[in-house]
């Protein structure tokens, strides 16, 4: 009985939502595009005046396929928070706390550019956690001031594309794949056969082109000679925070409290409160979550995924900014 009531309420709320969207579309209004939902503020540390320092956290694998809590993906989540901080006149600076091994090249580049846009209007202080490597460091380069702790793992300036070759296995079980393709390179990462020398050269060229962009960003943002980076620390190695400071990849050693202090200093807001963003509560979301869980329970579905959260879910053929130890 309780399940039926929850499902009925969820259905009514969803019908109301669809009806409102249809009515707004009919009148030419596009509320979602022109007026994005404003995130709620949660006070992390109180201040002595009305100014704000926005704390935004980026944790875990960076990717457009990683679900978000506020938007479709984690990339949408970070962009929404950065946009609100950028457009809020009370926010004098941003602290971006990064604890990530990296992730997709394009997703990392999108967030790097988003950080740069905010930096053009107000300071962005980076606070690295346990790891801010590869794509995590790529995004960090957009900050005004970079902090890491002595034990932070960062750097890993490099690009990786990986696929799996299983043609020997197919031969053992008597399976022969048949491929029809429009061009010589269309199935160049096909694991059912050996790659040709031309394919290997082409894929390596893609990797090096992306690597060149990464190294160029580090050289520009950290004011370091590109050739020095290429022949030295930009060979994919992970470094500690102390080594990163010596190599001028970061500005200083410190914890999150040091980042707050620096943000207040750079933002000329000594009395600013530290705030974080949260998604506004919507009853319809709660009912949708309940109805989804109830539907799964009614079907007797129980799923246990021991790997989830422990290993990044990488997709073969995609380019990643990740340390090799995170690539299965």
C-alpha atoms as a PDB file:
ATOM      1  CA  UNK A   1       0.000   0.000   0.000  1.00  0.00           C
ATOM      2  CA  UNK A   2       2.784   2.397   0.938  1.00  0.00           C
ATOM      3  CA  UNK A   3       4.588   1.600  -2.330  1.00  0.00           C
ATOM      4  CA  UNK A   4       1.449   2.392  -4.332  1.00  0.00           C
ATOM      5  CA  UNK A   5       1.038   5.750  -2.578  1.00  0.00           C
ATOM      6  CA  UNK A   6       4.673   6.705  -3.256  1.00  0.00           C
ATOM      7  CA  UNK A   7       4.365   5.725  -6.919  1.00  0.00           C
ATOM      8  CA  UNK A   8       1.132   7.708  -7.332  1.00  0.00           C
ATOM      9  CA  UNK A   9       2.616  10.839  -5.757  1.00  0.00           C
ATOM     10  CA  UNK A  10       5.744  10.518  -7.916  1.00  0.00           C
ATOM     11  CA  UNK A  11       3.592  10.135 -11.045  1.00  0.00           C
ATOM     12  CA  UNK A  12       1.554  13.230 -10.205  1.00  0.00           C
ATOM     13  CA  UNK A  13       4.657  15.317  -9.563  1.00  0.00           C
ATOM     14  CA  UNK A  14       6.247  14.196 -12.811  1.00  0.00           C
ATOM     15  CA  UNK A  15       3.053  14.951 -14.744  1.00  0.00           C
ATOM     16  CA  UNK A  16       3.026  18.420 -13.195  1.00  0.00           C
ATOM     17  CA  UNK A  17       6.655  18.908 -14.207  1.00  0.00           C
ATOM     18  CA  UNK A  18       5.977  17.832 -17.818  1.00  0.00           C
ATOM     19  CA  UNK A  19       2.899  20.048 -17.957  1.00  0.00           C
ATOM     20  CA  UNK A  20       4.833  23.082 -16.745  1.00  0.00           C
ATOM     21  CA  UNK A  21       7.592  22.469 -19.285  1.00  0.00           C
ATOM     22  CA  UNK A  22       5.077  22.147 -22.093  1.00  0.00           C
ATOM     23  CA  UNK A  23       3.283  25.337 -21.054  1.00  0.00           C
ATOM     24  CA  UNK A  24       6.548  27.288 -20.879  1.00  0.00           C
ATOM     25  CA  UNK A  25       7.660  25.914 -24.248  1.00  0.00           C
ATOM     26  CA  UNK A  26       4.333  26.992 -25.762  1.00  0.00           C
ATOM     27  CA  UNK A  27       4.773  30.560 -24.518  1.00  0.00           C
ATOM     28  CA  UNK A  28       8.339  30.752 -25.797  1.00  0.00           C
ATOM     29  CA  UNK A  29       9.902  30.702 -22.323  1.00  0.00           C
ATOM     30  CA  UNK A  30      13.129  28.777 -21.800  1.00  0.00           C
ATOM     31  CA  UNK A  31      13.577  29.021 -18.063  1.00  0.00           C
ATOM     32  CA  UNK A  32      16.181  26.255 -17.733  1.00  0.00           C
ATOM     33  CA  UNK A  33      18.492  27.853 -20.262  1.00  0.00           C
ATOM     34  CA  UNK A  34      18.186  31.511 -19.261  1.00  0.00           C
ATOM     35  CA  UNK A  35      17.751  31.118 -15.501  1.00  0.00           C
ATOM     36  CA  UNK A  36      19.770  28.143 -14.192  1.00  0.00           C
ATOM     37  CA  UNK A  37      18.783  26.865 -10.763  1.00  0.00           C
ATOM     38  CA  UNK A  38      20.571  28.751  -8.003  1.00  0.00           C
ATOM     39  CA  UNK A  39      22.465  26.560  -5.582  1.00  0.00           C
ATOM     40  CA  UNK A  40      22.012  26.939  -1.853  1.00  0.00           C
ATOM     41  CA  UNK A  41      24.851  28.095   0.383  1.00  0.00           C
ATOM     42  CA  UNK A  42      26.101  26.208   3.428  1.00  0.00           C
ATOM     43  CA  UNK A  43      28.395  28.060   5.829  1.00  0.00           C
ATOM     44  CA  UNK A  44      31.627  26.148   6.417  1.00  0.00           C
ATOM     45  CA  UNK A  45      33.306  28.885   8.471  1.00  0.00           C
ATOM     46  CA  UNK A  46      31.501  32.008   9.613  1.00  0.00           C
ATOM     47  CA  UNK A  47      32.852  35.471   8.834  1.00  0.00           C
ATOM     48  CA  UNK A  48      32.598  38.976  10.191  1.00  0.00           C
ATOM     49  CA  UNK A  49      30.942  40.592   7.165  1.00  0.00           C
ATOM     50  CA  UNK A  50      28.812  39.812   4.114  1.00  0.00           C
ATOM     51  CA  UNK A  51      31.677  38.785   1.832  1.00  0.00           C
ATOM     52  CA  UNK A  52      32.177  35.174   0.804  1.00  0.00           C
ATOM     53  CA  UNK A  53      34.890  32.724  -0.179  1.00  0.00           C
ATOM     54  CA  UNK A  54      33.359  29.862  -2.185  1.00  0.00           C
ATOM     55  CA  UNK A  55      34.705  26.386  -1.415  1.00  0.00           C
ATOM     56  CA  UNK A  56      34.255  24.000  -4.345  1.00  0.00           C
ATOM     57  CA  UNK A  57      35.366  20.370  -4.083  1.00  0.00           C
ATOM     58  CA  UNK A  58      36.478  18.203  -7.003  1.00  0.00           C
ATOM     59  CA  UNK A  59      36.916  14.605  -5.929  1.00  0.00           C
ATOM     60  CA  UNK A  60      37.368  11.320  -7.758  1.00  0.00           C
ATOM     61  CA  UNK A  61      37.702  10.473 -11.420  1.00  0.00           C
ATOM     62  CA  UNK A  62      37.136  13.374 -13.824  1.00  0.00           C
ATOM     63  CA  UNK A  63      34.762  12.409 -16.603  1.00  0.00           C
ATOM     64  CA  UNK A  64      31.624  13.328 -18.470  1.00  0.00           C
ATOM     65  CA  UNK A  65      30.293   9.831 -17.724  1.00  0.00           C
ATOM     66  CA  UNK A  66      30.678  10.234 -13.947  1.00  0.00           C
ATOM     67  CA  UNK A  67      27.195  11.013 -12.524  1.00  0.00           C
ATOM     68  CA  UNK A  68      26.755  14.344 -10.774  1.00  0.00           C
ATOM     69  CA  UNK A  69      24.769  15.216  -7.664  1.00  0.00           C
ATOM     70  CA  UNK A  70      23.461  18.497  -9.068  1.00  0.00           C
ATOM     71  CA  UNK A  71      23.630  18.028 -12.822  1.00  0.00           C
ATOM     72  CA  UNK A  72      23.943  15.187 -15.291  1.00  0.00           C
ATOM     73  CA  UNK A  73      27.677  14.725 -14.686  1.00  0.00           C
ATOM     74  CA  UNK A  74      30.342  15.781 -12.213  1.00  0.00           C
ATOM     75  CA  UNK A  75      31.622  18.189 -14.888  1.00  0.00           C
ATOM     76  CA  UNK A  76      28.219  19.933 -14.851  1.00  0.00           C
ATOM     77  CA  UNK A  77      28.346  20.090 -11.052  1.00  0.00           C
ATOM     78  CA  UNK A  78      31.722  21.837 -10.935  1.00  0.00           C
ATOM     79  CA  UNK A  79      30.824  24.221 -13.775  1.00  0.00           C
ATOM     80  CA  UNK A  80      27.563  25.224 -12.075  1.00  0.00           C
ATOM     81  CA  UNK A  81      29.357  26.007  -8.815  1.00  0.00           C
ATOM     82  CA  UNK A  82      32.112  27.964 -10.557  1.00  0.00           C
ATOM     83  CA  UNK A  83      29.528  29.941 -12.540  1.00  0.00           C
ATOM     84  CA  UNK A  84      27.569  30.887  -9.428  1.00  0.00           C
ATOM     85  CA  UNK A  85      30.749  31.928  -7.598  1.00  0.00           C
ATOM     86  CA  UNK A  86      31.877  33.979 -10.603  1.00  0.00           C
ATOM     87  CA  UNK A  87      28.577  35.852 -10.901  1.00  0.00           C
ATOM     88  CA  UNK A  88      28.045  36.493  -7.166  1.00  0.00           C
ATOM     89  CA  UNK A  89      29.472  39.905  -6.233  1.00  0.00           C
ATOM     90  CA  UNK A  90      29.687  38.840  -2.583  1.00  0.00           C
ATOM     91  CA  UNK A  91      32.124  36.051  -3.480  1.00  0.00           C
ATOM     92  CA  UNK A  92      35.586  37.609  -3.524  1.00  0.00           C
ATOM     93  CA  UNK A  93      37.603  34.459  -4.222  1.00  0.00           C
ATOM     94  CA  UNK A  94      37.254  30.718  -4.790  1.00  0.00           C
ATOM     95  CA  UNK A  95      39.018  27.806  -3.098  1.00  0.00           C
ATOM     96  CA  UNK A  96      39.005  24.748  -5.372  1.00  0.00           C
ATOM     97  CA  UNK A  97      39.840  21.642  -3.328  1.00  0.00           C
ATOM     98  CA  UNK A  98      41.068  18.882  -5.627  1.00  0.00           C
ATOM     99  CA  UNK A  99      41.508  15.245  -4.641  1.00  0.00           C
ATOM    100  CA  UNK A 100      41.611  13.426  -7.965  1.00  0.00           C
ATOM    101  CA  UNK A 101      43.943  11.123  -9.902  1.00  0.00           C
ATOM    102  CA  UNK A 102      42.742  12.702 -13.157  1.00  0.00           C
ATOM    103  CA  UNK A 103      40.465  11.412 -15.872  1.00  0.00           C
ATOM    104  CA  UNK A 104      39.232  12.192 -19.371  1.00  0.00           C
ATOM    105  CA  UNK A 105      41.244  14.658 -21.432  1.00  0.00           C
ATOM    106  CA  UNK A 106      38.265  16.655 -22.688  1.00  0.00           C
ATOM    107  CA  UNK A 107      36.534  16.805 -19.298  1.00  0.00           C
ATOM    108  CA  UNK A 108      39.762  18.016 -17.690  1.00  0.00           C
ATOM    109  CA  UNK A 109      40.225  20.641 -20.389  1.00  0.00           C
ATOM    110  CA  UNK A 110      36.637  21.886 -19.982  1.00  0.00           C
ATOM    111  CA  UNK A 111      37.120  22.354 -16.237  1.00  0.00           C
ATOM    112  CA  UNK A 112      40.530  23.979 -16.693  1.00  0.00           C
ATOM    113  CA  UNK A 113      38.925  26.554 -19.004  1.00  0.00           C
ATOM    114  CA  UNK A 114      36.067  27.081 -16.529  1.00  0.00           C
ATOM    115  CA  UNK A 115      38.582  27.778 -13.746  1.00  0.00           C
ATOM    116  CA  UNK A 116      40.447  30.233 -16.012  1.00  0.00           C
ATOM    117  CA  UNK A 117      37.209  32.135 -16.680  1.00  0.00           C
ATOM    118  CA  UNK A 118      36.644  32.592 -12.956  1.00  0.00           C
ATOM    119  CA  UNK A 119      40.297  33.553 -12.426  1.00  0.00           C
ATOM    120  CA  UNK A 120      39.875  36.384 -14.952  1.00  0.00           C
ATOM    121  CA  UNK A 121      37.397  38.018 -12.541  1.00  0.00           C
ATOM    122  CA  UNK A 122      38.476  36.873  -9.073  1.00  0.00           C
ATOM    123  CA  UNK A 123      41.257  34.802  -7.461  1.00  0.00           C
ATOM    124  CA  UNK A 124      41.084  31.000  -7.492  1.00  0.00           C
ATOM    125  CA  UNK A 125      43.208  29.212  -4.870  1.00  0.00           C
ATOM    126  CA  UNK A 126      43.871  25.504  -5.428  1.00  0.00           C
ATOM    127  CA  UNK A 127      44.125  23.183  -2.431  1.00  0.00           C
ATOM    128  CA  UNK A 128      45.433  19.732  -3.366  1.00  0.00           C
ATOM    129  CA  UNK A 129      44.471  16.784  -1.197  1.00  0.00           C
ATOM    130  CA  UNK A 130      45.975  13.305  -1.191  1.00  0.00           C
ATOM    131  CA  UNK A 131      46.308  13.295  -4.965  1.00  0.00           C
ATOM    132  CA  UNK A 132      45.953  15.931  -7.678  1.00  0.00           C
ATOM    133  CA  UNK A 133      47.723  14.221 -10.526  1.00  0.00           C
ATOM    134  CA  UNK A 134      47.471  14.267 -14.310  1.00  0.00           C
ATOM    135  CA  UNK A 135      43.987  15.671 -15.093  1.00  0.00           C
ATOM    136  CA  UNK A 136      43.778  16.889 -11.492  1.00  0.00           C
ATOM    137  CA  UNK A 137      46.976  18.859 -12.006  1.00  0.00           C
ATOM    138  CA  UNK A 138      45.829  19.991 -15.474  1.00  0.00           C
ATOM    139  CA  UNK A 139      42.808  21.703 -13.876  1.00  0.00           C
ATOM    140  CA  UNK A 140      44.933  23.046 -11.016  1.00  0.00           C
ATOM    141  CA  UNK A 141      47.043  24.995 -13.505  1.00  0.00           C
ATOM    142  CA  UNK A 142      44.079  27.334 -14.012  1.00  0.00           C
ATOM    143  CA  UNK A 143      44.360  28.578 -10.425  1.00  0.00           C
ATOM    144  CA  UNK A 144      45.866  31.834  -9.209  1.00  0.00           C
ATOM    145  CA  UNK A 145      47.795  30.138  -6.386  1.00  0.00           C
ATOM    146  CA  UNK A 146      48.460  26.408  -5.919  1.00  0.00           C
ATOM    147  CA  UNK A 147      48.816  24.698  -2.534  1.00  0.00           C
ATOM    148  CA  UNK A 148      49.728  21.062  -1.856  1.00  0.00           C
ATOM    149  CA  UNK A 149      50.705  19.228   1.286  1.00  0.00           C
ATOM    150  CA  UNK A 150      54.144  17.620   1.548  1.00  0.00           C
ATOM    151  CA  UNK A 151      52.622  14.186   0.990  1.00  0.00           C
ATOM    152  CA  UNK A 152      50.319  15.093  -1.903  1.00  0.00           C
ATOM    153  CA  UNK A 153      50.850  13.068  -5.075  1.00  0.00           C
ATOM    154  CA  UNK A 154      50.730  15.443  -8.036  1.00  0.00           C
ATOM    155  CA  UNK A 155      52.350  15.993 -11.414  1.00  0.00           C
ATOM    156  CA  UNK A 156      51.962  12.954 -13.703  1.00  0.00           C
ATOM    157  CA  UNK A 157      52.075  15.216 -16.751  1.00  0.00           C
ATOM    158  CA  UNK A 158      51.211  12.783 -19.501  1.00  0.00           C
ATOM    159  CA  UNK A 159      48.497  11.192 -21.627  1.00  0.00           C
ATOM    160  CA  UNK A 160      47.476   7.554 -22.003  1.00  0.00           C
ATOM    161  CA  UNK A 161      45.233   5.621 -24.398  1.00  0.00           C
ATOM    162  CA  UNK A 162      44.794   1.935 -23.698  1.00  0.00           C
ATOM    163  CA  UNK A 163      42.971  -0.898 -25.376  1.00  0.00           C
ATOM    164  CA  UNK A 164      42.943  -4.681 -24.913  1.00  0.00           C
ATOM    165  CA  UNK A 165      44.158  -7.285 -27.378  1.00  0.00           C
ATOM    166  CA  UNK A 166      42.225 -10.560 -27.133  1.00  0.00           C
ATOM    167  CA  UNK A 167      42.832 -12.179 -30.549  1.00  0.00           C
ATOM    168  CA  UNK A 168      44.857 -15.022 -28.981  1.00  0.00           C
ATOM    169  CA  UNK A 169      41.942 -15.829 -26.674  1.00  0.00           C
ATOM    170  CA  UNK A 170      39.480 -15.825 -29.586  1.00  0.00           C
ATOM    171  CA  UNK A 171      41.741 -18.228 -31.477  1.00  0.00           C
ATOM    172  CA  UNK A 172      41.809 -20.654 -28.542  1.00  0.00           C
ATOM    173  CA  UNK A 173      38.023 -20.838 -28.366  1.00  0.00           C
ATOM    174  CA  UNK A 174      37.585 -20.979 -32.127  1.00  0.00           C
ATOM    175  CA  UNK A 175      36.013 -17.561 -32.711  1.00  0.00           C
ATOM    176  CA  UNK A 176      36.971 -15.566 -35.787  1.00  0.00           C
ATOM    177  CA  UNK A 177      35.737 -11.945 -35.964  1.00  0.00           C
ATOM    178  CA  UNK A 178      34.638 -10.495 -39.309  1.00  0.00           C
ATOM    179  CA  UNK A 179      34.915  -6.715 -39.752  1.00  0.00           C
ATOM    180  CA  UNK A 180      33.609  -4.495 -42.543  1.00  0.00           C
ATOM    181  CA  UNK A 181      35.053  -0.991 -42.456  1.00  0.00           C
ATOM    182  CA  UNK A 182      35.028   2.141 -44.584  1.00  0.00           C
ATOM    183  CA  UNK A 183      38.704   2.980 -44.140  1.00  0.00           C
ATOM    184  CA  UNK A 184      42.039   1.542 -43.077  1.00  0.00           C
ATOM    185  CA  UNK A 185      41.987   3.217 -39.627  1.00  0.00           C
ATOM    186  CA  UNK A 186      38.311   2.717 -38.748  1.00  0.00           C
ATOM    187  CA  UNK A 187      38.986  -0.192 -36.353  1.00  0.00           C
ATOM    188  CA  UNK A 188      42.536   0.684 -35.354  1.00  0.00           C
ATOM    189  CA  UNK A 189      41.905  -0.149 -31.663  1.00  0.00           C
ATOM    190  CA  UNK A 190      40.191  -3.430 -32.466  1.00  0.00           C
ATOM    191  CA  UNK A 191      41.443  -5.917 -29.873  1.00  0.00           C
ATOM    192  CA  UNK A 192      40.583  -8.874 -32.096  1.00  0.00           C
ATOM    193  CA  UNK A 193      43.711  -8.356 -34.207  1.00  0.00           C
ATOM    194  CA  UNK A 194      47.227  -6.965 -34.052  1.00  0.00           C
ATOM    195  CA  UNK A 195      47.652  -3.261 -34.736  1.00  0.00           C
ATOM    196  CA  UNK A 196      49.551  -2.350 -37.861  1.00  0.00           C
ATOM    197  CA  UNK A 197      52.698  -0.182 -37.616  1.00  0.00           C
ATOM    198  CA  UNK A 198      50.792   2.643 -39.308  1.00  0.00           C
ATOM    199  CA  UNK A 199      47.999   2.428 -36.714  1.00  0.00           C
ATOM    200  CA  UNK A 200      50.454   2.466 -33.824  1.00  0.00           C
ATOM    201  CA  UNK A 201      52.160   5.516 -35.291  1.00  0.00           C
ATOM    202  CA  UNK A 202      48.837   7.303 -35.742  1.00  0.00           C
ATOM    203  CA  UNK A 203      47.598   6.615 -32.191  1.00  0.00           C
ATOM    204  CA  UNK A 204      50.965   7.647 -30.773  1.00  0.00           C
ATOM    205  CA  UNK A 205      50.637  10.883 -32.738  1.00  0.00           C
ATOM    206  CA  UNK A 206      47.243  11.550 -31.123  1.00  0.00           C
ATOM    207  CA  UNK A 207      48.734  10.950 -27.679  1.00  0.00           C
ATOM    208  CA  UNK A 208      51.684  13.260 -28.327  1.00  0.00           C
ATOM    209  CA  UNK A 209      49.452  16.004 -29.723  1.00  0.00           C
ATOM    210  CA  UNK A 210      47.366  15.974 -26.536  1.00  0.00           C
ATOM    211  CA  UNK A 211      50.522  15.729 -24.432  1.00  0.00           C
ATOM    212  CA  UNK A 212      51.847  18.815 -26.208  1.00  0.00           C
ATOM    213  CA  UNK A 213      48.749  20.763 -25.187  1.00  0.00           C
ATOM    214  CA  UNK A 214      49.145  19.626 -21.574  1.00  0.00           C
ATOM    215  CA  UNK A 215      52.830  20.553 -21.420  1.00  0.00           C
ATOM    216  CA  UNK A 216      52.108  23.878 -23.131  1.00  0.00           C
ATOM    217  CA  UNK A 217      49.537  24.760 -20.473  1.00  0.00           C
ATOM    218  CA  UNK A 218      51.934  23.862 -17.656  1.00  0.00           C
ATOM    219  CA  UNK A 219      54.726  25.905 -19.279  1.00  0.00           C
ATOM    220  CA  UNK A 220      52.461  28.933 -19.747  1.00  0.00           C
ATOM    221  CA  UNK A 221      50.752  28.868 -16.364  1.00  0.00           C
ATOM    222  CA  UNK A 222      53.832  28.009 -14.292  1.00  0.00           C
ATOM    223  CA  UNK A 223      56.225  30.197 -16.333  1.00  0.00           C
ATOM    224  CA  UNK A 224      58.562  27.296 -17.055  1.00  0.00           C
ATOM    225  CA  UNK A 225      60.509  26.515 -20.255  1.00  0.00           C
ATOM    226  CA  UNK A 226      58.601  23.873 -22.231  1.00  0.00           C
ATOM    227  CA  UNK A 227      61.738  22.047 -23.339  1.00  0.00           C
ATOM    228  CA  UNK A 228      62.889  21.843 -19.730  1.00  0.00           C
ATOM    229  CA  UNK A 229      59.567  20.247 -18.803  1.00  0.00           C
ATOM    230  CA  UNK A 230      59.657  17.774 -21.704  1.00  0.00           C
ATOM    231  CA  UNK A 231      63.171  16.617 -20.887  1.00  0.00           C
ATOM    232  CA  UNK A 232      62.541  16.496 -17.152  1.00  0.00           C
ATOM    233  CA  UNK A 233      59.558  16.273 -14.861  1.00  0.00           C
ATOM    234  CA  UNK A 234      56.871  16.116 -17.592  1.00  0.00           C
ATOM    235  CA  UNK A 235      57.589  12.458 -18.376  1.00  0.00           C
ATOM    236  CA  UNK A 236      54.517  11.092 -16.604  1.00  0.00           C
ATOM    237  CA  UNK A 237      56.120  10.704 -13.190  1.00  0.00           C
ATOM    238  CA  UNK A 238      54.211  11.378  -9.965  1.00  0.00           C
ATOM    239  CA  UNK A 239      55.888  13.721  -7.498  1.00  0.00           C
ATOM    240  CA  UNK A 240      55.225  14.657  -3.892  1.00  0.00           C
ATOM    241  CA  UNK A 241      54.135  18.126  -2.885  1.00  0.00           C
ATOM    242  CA  UNK A 242      57.625  18.966  -1.683  1.00  0.00           C
ATOM    243  CA  UNK A 243      59.174  17.921  -5.001  1.00  0.00           C
ATOM    244  CA  UNK A 244      56.442  19.814  -6.863  1.00  0.00           C
ATOM    245  CA  UNK A 245      57.347  22.978  -4.954  1.00  0.00           C
ATOM    246  CA  UNK A 246      61.009  22.536  -5.815  1.00  0.00           C
ATOM    247  CA  UNK A 247      60.083  22.052  -9.484  1.00  0.00           C
ATOM    248  CA  UNK A 248      57.830  25.170  -9.345  1.00  0.00           C
ATOM    249  CA  UNK A 249      54.722  23.177 -10.230  1.00  0.00           C
ATOM    250  CA  UNK A 250      52.983  24.713  -7.196  1.00  0.00           C
ATOM    251  CA  UNK A 251      53.305  27.944  -5.211  1.00  0.00           C
ATOM    252  CA  UNK A 252      53.426  26.674  -1.658  1.00  0.00           C
ATOM    253  CA  UNK A 253      52.932  23.897   0.875  1.00  0.00           C
ATOM    254  CA  UNK A 254      49.828  24.070   3.015  1.00  0.00           C
ATOM    255  CA  UNK A 255      46.500  22.599   4.043  1.00  0.00           C
ATOM    256  CA  UNK A 256      42.961  23.752   3.327  1.00  0.00           C
ATOM    257  CA  UNK A 257      43.137  26.363   6.117  1.00  0.00           C
ATOM    258  CA  UNK A 258      46.119  27.943   4.371  1.00  0.00           C
ATOM    259  CA  UNK A 259      44.076  28.078   1.177  1.00  0.00           C
ATOM    260  CA  UNK A 260      41.268  29.907   3.021  1.00  0.00           C
ATOM    261  CA  UNK A 261      43.775  32.419   4.370  1.00  0.00           C
ATOM    262  CA  UNK A 262      45.336  33.001   0.947  1.00  0.00           C
ATOM    263  CA  UNK A 263      41.913  33.379  -0.699  1.00  0.00           C
ATOM    264  CA  UNK A 264      40.887  36.012   1.833  1.00  0.00           C
ATOM    265  CA  UNK A 265      44.183  37.783   1.237  1.00  0.00           C
ATOM    266  CA  UNK A 266      43.994  37.712  -2.569  1.00  0.00           C
ATOM    267  CA  UNK A 267      40.313  38.633  -2.514  1.00  0.00           C
ATOM    268  CA  UNK A 268      40.877  41.550  -0.107  1.00  0.00           C
ATOM    269  CA  UNK A 269      38.220  40.034   2.133  1.00  0.00           C
ATOM    270  CA  UNK A 270      39.733  39.331   5.575  1.00  0.00           C
ATOM    271  CA  UNK A 271      36.292  38.915   7.156  1.00  0.00           C
ATOM    272  CA  UNK A 272      34.803  36.664   4.475  1.00  0.00           C
ATOM    273  CA  UNK A 273      32.817  33.590   5.423  1.00  0.00           C
ATOM    274  CA  UNK A 274      33.709  30.270   3.790  1.00  0.00           C
ATOM    275  CA  UNK A 275      30.662  28.822   2.060  1.00  0.00           C
ATOM    276  CA  UNK A 276      29.989  25.671   0.030  1.00  0.00           C
ATOM    277  CA  UNK A 277      27.231  25.065  -2.516  1.00  0.00           C
ATOM    278  CA  UNK A 278      24.474  22.494  -2.244  1.00  0.00           C
ATOM    279  CA  UNK A 279      21.576  21.505  -4.453  1.00  0.00           C
ATOM    280  CA  UNK A 280      18.270  23.002  -3.305  1.00  0.00           C
ATOM    281  CA  UNK A 281      15.902  20.468  -1.766  1.00  0.00           C
ATOM    282  CA  UNK A 282      13.072  19.434  -4.059  1.00  0.00           C
ATOM    283  CA  UNK A 283      10.351  17.093  -2.817  1.00  0.00           C
ATOM    284  CA  UNK A 284       9.919  15.666  -6.304  1.00  0.00           C
ATOM    285  CA  UNK A 285      13.528  14.420  -6.309  1.00  0.00           C
ATOM    286  CA  UNK A 286      12.946  12.639  -3.010  1.00  0.00           C
ATOM    287  CA  UNK A 287       9.855  10.890  -4.329  1.00  0.00           C
ATOM    288  CA  UNK A 288      11.646   9.904  -7.540  1.00  0.00           C
ATOM    289  CA  UNK A 289      14.471   8.376  -5.480  1.00  0.00           C
ATOM    290  CA  UNK A 290      11.980   6.467  -3.329  1.00  0.00           C
ATOM    291  CA  UNK A 291      10.027   5.225  -6.342  1.00  0.00           C
ATOM    292  CA  UNK A 292      13.233   4.087  -8.073  1.00  0.00           C
ATOM    293  CA  UNK A 293      14.389   2.164  -5.000  1.00  0.00           C
ATOM    294  CA  UNK A 294      10.936   0.705  -4.475  1.00  0.00           C
ATOM    295  CA  UNK A 295      10.753  -0.476  -8.084  1.00  0.00           C
ATOM    296  CA  UNK A 296      14.113  -2.232  -7.773  1.00  0.00           C
ATOM    297  CA  UNK A 297      13.047  -3.843  -4.487  1.00  0.00           C
ATOM    298  CA  UNK A 298       9.793  -5.095  -6.034  1.00  0.00           C
ATOM    299  CA  UNK A 299      11.818  -6.832  -8.760  1.00  0.00           C
ATOM    300  CA  UNK A 300      14.055  -8.484  -6.184  1.00  0.00           C
ATOM    301  CA  UNK A 301      17.198  -6.877  -7.607  1.00  0.00           C
ATOM    302  CA  UNK A 302      20.283  -6.743  -5.406  1.00  0.00           C
ATOM    303  CA  UNK A 303      23.548  -5.541  -6.918  1.00  0.00           C
ATOM    304  CA  UNK A 304      26.931  -5.596  -5.204  1.00  0.00           C
ATOM    305  CA  UNK A 305      29.814  -3.939  -7.009  1.00  0.00           C
ATOM    306  CA  UNK A 306      33.012  -4.293  -5.009  1.00  0.00           C
ATOM    307  CA  UNK A 307      35.059  -2.428  -7.608  1.00  0.00           C
ATOM    308  CA  UNK A 308      32.869   0.660  -7.643  1.00  0.00           C
ATOM    309  CA  UNK A 309      34.653   3.531  -5.942  1.00  0.00           C
ATOM    310  CA  UNK A 310      37.907   1.555  -5.706  1.00  0.00           C
ATOM    311  CA  UNK A 311      38.981   1.593  -9.364  1.00  0.00           C
ATOM    312  CA  UNK A 312      38.181   4.171 -12.036  1.00  0.00           C
ATOM    313  CA  UNK A 313      35.804   2.865 -14.692  1.00  0.00           C
ATOM    314  CA  UNK A 314      37.853   3.535 -17.823  1.00  0.00           C
ATOM    315  CA  UNK A 315      36.544   3.132 -21.343  1.00  0.00           C
ATOM    316  CA  UNK A 316      38.809   1.514 -23.957  1.00  0.00           C
ATOM    317  CA  UNK A 317      39.848   3.907 -26.710  1.00  0.00           C
ATOM    318  CA  UNK A 318      39.409   7.123 -24.734  1.00  0.00           C
ATOM    319  CA  UNK A 319      42.330   9.397 -23.976  1.00  0.00           C
ATOM    320  CA  UNK A 320      42.977   9.914 -20.263  1.00  0.00           C
ATOM    321  CA  UNK A 321      45.133  12.127 -18.106  1.00  0.00           C
ATOM    322  CA  UNK A 322      45.865   9.489 -15.473  1.00  0.00           C
ATOM    323  CA  UNK A 323      48.877   7.980 -13.693  1.00  0.00           C
ATOM    324  CA  UNK A 324      49.670   4.500 -15.008  1.00  0.00           C
ATOM    325  CA  UNK A 325      48.938   2.921 -11.625  1.00  0.00           C
ATOM    326  CA  UNK A 326      45.258   3.842 -12.038  1.00  0.00           C
ATOM    327  CA  UNK A 327      44.974   2.114 -15.424  1.00  0.00           C
ATOM    328  CA  UNK A 328      43.904  -1.542 -15.067  1.00  0.00           C
END
